Amino acid sequence: MEKSPAQSLSRSYRTKRSVVSTSLLASGVAFDLVSKHSPELKAEIADWEEGRVFSLGVLPDGPAISLRKEGDRIRYLGKGYKNPKLKLLFKNIDCAHLMMTGKISSSAAFAQHRTILHGNLVDAMQISRAMAIVQSYLLPGSALKKSMKRPPRPTPAQRLLKARIMATLGIAVLVNMRK
């Protein structure tokens, strides 16, 4: 029995939603891990006001995560919107899926109007730069080449940190799944 297009789309949508939800969780946890150890990310967030809460999510009622600057790091607060000062929202699950799977960069998502911003544009650009740093630690080199104009050439210390983050990310995601 052949499936109708609506059933196929439904399965495709559910799959994309699951990928995006898991990727957002991994991104939130990665922000936490990378901000603990990366001098580049620490430098990027050094001037941010203490307690800045921002969220990444998908419209209309898709998955979302919230993060907060605490001291010299970014903390993953959990799923959903936790009173953010700034929201970066993907217009739909397809737009989020493109970025979360490394097919486009966060800056390309902004440039292509795949995201909506609720908050200050300067803050959003700072967050976008921070997201690019986190992506450089999350994505393999081949995906970085696709998603960034000029992917950074990692130093030996950055390669070691990337390996450390990759080794601990799975456990950290499992620990934070219920947040």
Protein backbone atom coordinates (compact mmCIF):
# COMPACT_ATOMS: atom_id res chain seq x y z
CA MET A 1 0.00 0.00 0.00
CA GLU A 2 1.40 3.31 -1.08
CA LYS A 3 1.47 6.22 1.37
CA SER A 4 -0.16 9.50 0.58
CA PRO A 5 2.00 12.65 0.28
CA ALA A 6 0.48 13.95 3.52
CA GLN A 7 1.71 10.89 5.43
CA SER A 8 5.20 11.23 3.90
CA LEU A 9 5.34 14.91 4.73
CA SER A 10 4.21 14.16 8.22
CA ARG A 11 6.99 11.64 8.73
CA SER A 12 9.49 14.01 7.11
CA TYR A 13 8.34 16.83 9.37
CA ARG A 14 8.57 14.64 12.47
CA THR A 15 12.07 13.54 11.49
CA LYS A 16 13.23 17.11 10.88
CA ARG A 17 11.67 18.26 14.13
CA SER A 18 13.47 15.51 16.00
CA VAL A 19 16.80 16.37 14.35
CA VAL A 20 16.34 20.08 15.11
CA SER A 21 15.28 19.43 18.69
CA THR A 22 18.30 17.19 19.31
CA SER A 23 20.60 19.65 17.54
CA LEU A 24 19.33 22.55 19.63
CA LEU A 25 19.93 20.52 22.78
CA ALA A 26 23.45 19.63 21.58
CA SER A 27 24.09 23.28 20.65
CA GLY A 28 22.97 24.48 24.07
CA VAL A 29 25.16 21.95 25.83
CA ALA A 30 28.03 22.74 23.43
CA PHE A 31 27.73 26.47 24.27
CA ASP A 32 28.17 25.48 27.90
CA LEU A 33 31.15 23.19 27.22
CA VAL A 34 32.93 25.46 24.72
CA SER A 35 32.50 28.56 26.89
CA LYS A 36 34.24 26.72 29.76
CA HIS A 37 37.42 26.12 27.78
CA SER A 38 37.62 28.23 24.59
CA PRO A 39 39.61 31.48 24.81
CA GLU A 40 37.92 32.66 21.58
CA LEU A 41 34.43 32.30 23.01
CA LYS A 42 35.47 33.76 26.36
CA ALA A 43 36.83 36.81 24.52
CA GLU A 44 33.64 37.12 22.44
CA ILE A 45 31.34 37.11 25.47
CA ALA A 46 33.59 39.14 27.79
CA ASP A 47 31.71 42.40 27.12
CA TRP A 48 28.22 40.92 27.34
CA GLU A 49 26.17 42.08 30.29
CA GLU A 50 25.93 39.60 33.15
CA GLY A 51 22.75 37.53 33.10
CA ARG A 52 21.95 38.03 29.40
CA VAL A 53 19.37 35.38 28.53
CA PHE A 54 18.80 34.46 24.91
CA SER A 55 16.80 31.76 23.21
CA LEU A 56 16.98 29.88 19.94
CA GLY A 57 13.74 28.42 18.67
CA VAL A 58 11.54 27.47 15.75
CA LEU A 59 8.23 29.03 14.76
CA PRO A 60 5.35 28.54 15.21
CA ASP A 61 5.52 26.10 18.14
CA GLY A 62 8.76 24.27 17.47
CA PRO A 63 11.55 23.30 19.80
CA ALA A 64 13.47 26.01 21.66
CA ILE A 65 16.35 26.37 24.11
CA SER A 66 17.49 29.13 26.44
CA LEU A 67 20.98 30.14 27.48
CA ARG A 68 22.38 32.70 29.95
CA LYS A 69 25.71 34.43 30.39
CA GLU A 70 27.06 33.72 33.87
CA GLY A 71 30.52 35.06 34.65
CA ASP A 72 32.83 34.16 31.79
CA ARG A 73 30.63 31.40 30.35
CA ILE A 74 27.33 30.59 28.72
CA ARG A 75 25.02 28.26 30.69
CA TYR A 76 22.42 26.04 29.12
CA LEU A 77 19.15 26.73 30.96
CA GLY A 78 17.01 24.11 29.29
CA LYS A 79 14.29 23.64 26.71
CA GLY A 80 11.75 26.37 26.07
CA TYR A 81 11.85 30.11 26.59
CA LYS A 82 13.16 31.19 30.02
CA ASN A 83 12.37 34.93 29.93
CA PRO A 84 14.89 35.79 27.23
CA LYS A 85 15.96 39.33 26.45
CA LEU A 86 16.56 38.18 22.89
CA LYS A 87 14.99 35.46 20.75
CA LEU A 88 16.46 34.14 17.52
CA LEU A 89 13.64 32.26 15.82
CA PHE A 90 13.79 30.17 12.70
CA LYS A 91 10.79 30.80 10.48
CA ASN A 92 10.05 27.09 10.15
CA ILE A 93 11.50 23.65 10.74
CA ASP A 94 13.10 23.53 7.27
CA CYS A 95 15.10 26.70 7.92
CA ALA A 96 16.25 25.39 11.28
CA HIS A 97 17.11 22.00 9.77
CA LEU A 98 19.43 23.61 7.21
CA MET A 99 21.46 25.37 9.86
CA MET A 100 21.38 22.64 12.48
CA THR A 101 22.71 20.06 10.02
CA GLY A 102 25.57 22.33 8.93
CA LYS A 103 24.25 23.01 5.43
CA ILE A 104 24.25 26.76 6.00
CA SER A 105 25.96 28.95 8.58
CA SER A 106 24.21 31.06 11.18
CA SER A 107 25.23 34.19 9.26
CA ALA A 108 23.77 32.74 6.04
CA ALA A 109 20.52 31.99 7.89
CA PHE A 110 20.37 35.66 8.94
CA ALA A 111 21.30 36.92 5.47
CA GLN A 112 18.69 34.71 3.79
CA HIS A 113 15.96 35.90 6.17
CA ARG A 114 15.43 32.41 7.54
CA THR A 115 15.38 33.82 11.07
CA ILE A 116 13.39 36.41 12.95
CA LEU A 117 14.87 38.48 15.71
CA HIS A 118 13.01 39.63 18.81
CA GLY A 119 15.44 41.93 20.58
CA ASN A 120 18.46 44.13 19.98
CA LEU A 121 20.27 43.71 16.63
CA VAL A 122 23.71 44.35 18.17
CA ASP A 123 23.09 41.60 20.72
CA ALA A 124 21.96 39.27 17.92
CA MET A 125 25.15 39.86 15.95
CA GLN A 126 27.22 39.12 19.05
CA ILE A 127 25.29 35.90 19.56
CA SER A 128 25.73 35.01 15.89
CA ARG A 129 29.51 35.36 16.22
CA ALA A 130 29.43 33.22 19.36
CA MET A 131 27.33 30.61 17.52
CA ALA A 132 29.93 30.50 14.73
CA ILE A 133 32.65 29.76 17.31
CA VAL A 134 30.56 26.99 18.84
CA GLN A 135 29.81 25.56 15.37
CA SER A 136 33.54 25.41 14.65
CA TYR A 137 33.90 23.04 17.62
CA LEU A 138 30.79 20.98 16.81
CA LEU A 139 30.97 20.40 13.09
CA PRO A 140 33.55 18.32 11.22
CA GLY A 141 35.89 20.11 8.80
CA SER A 142 33.91 19.07 5.71
CA ALA A 143 30.70 20.58 7.12
CA LEU A 144 32.54 23.74 8.18
CA LYS A 145 33.73 24.23 4.60
CA LYS A 146 30.10 24.10 3.44
CA SER A 147 28.69 26.32 6.16
CA MET A 148 31.36 29.03 6.42
CA LYS A 149 32.98 31.27 3.82
CA ARG A 150 36.37 30.94 5.46
CA PRO A 151 36.39 28.19 8.05
CA PRO A 152 38.96 28.78 10.78
CA ARG A 153 42.19 26.82 10.67
CA PRO A 154 42.36 25.25 14.09
CA THR A 155 45.53 25.36 16.11
CA PRO A 156 46.76 22.15 17.77
CA ALA A 157 45.26 23.39 21.05
CA GLN A 158 41.89 24.00 19.34
CA ARG A 159 41.97 20.51 17.78
CA LEU A 160 42.64 19.00 21.18
CA LEU A 161 39.78 21.02 22.70
CA LYS A 162 37.46 19.95 19.86
CA ALA A 163 38.32 16.31 20.55
CA ARG A 164 37.67 16.86 24.26
CA ILE A 165 34.30 18.49 23.56
CA MET A 166 33.29 15.72 21.15
CA ALA A 167 34.27 13.10 23.72
CA THR A 168 32.12 14.66 26.45
CA LEU A 169 29.21 16.04 24.41
CA GLY A 170 27.15 12.84 24.33
CA ILE A 171 27.26 12.40 28.08
CA ALA A 172 26.55 16.10 28.65
CA VAL A 173 23.51 15.91 26.33
CA LEU A 174 22.15 12.90 28.23
CA VAL A 175 22.64 14.70 31.55
CA ASN A 176 20.82 17.80 30.25
CA MET A 177 17.94 16.10 28.39
CA ARG A 178 15.44 16.69 31.17
CA LYS A 179 16.18 20.40 31.62
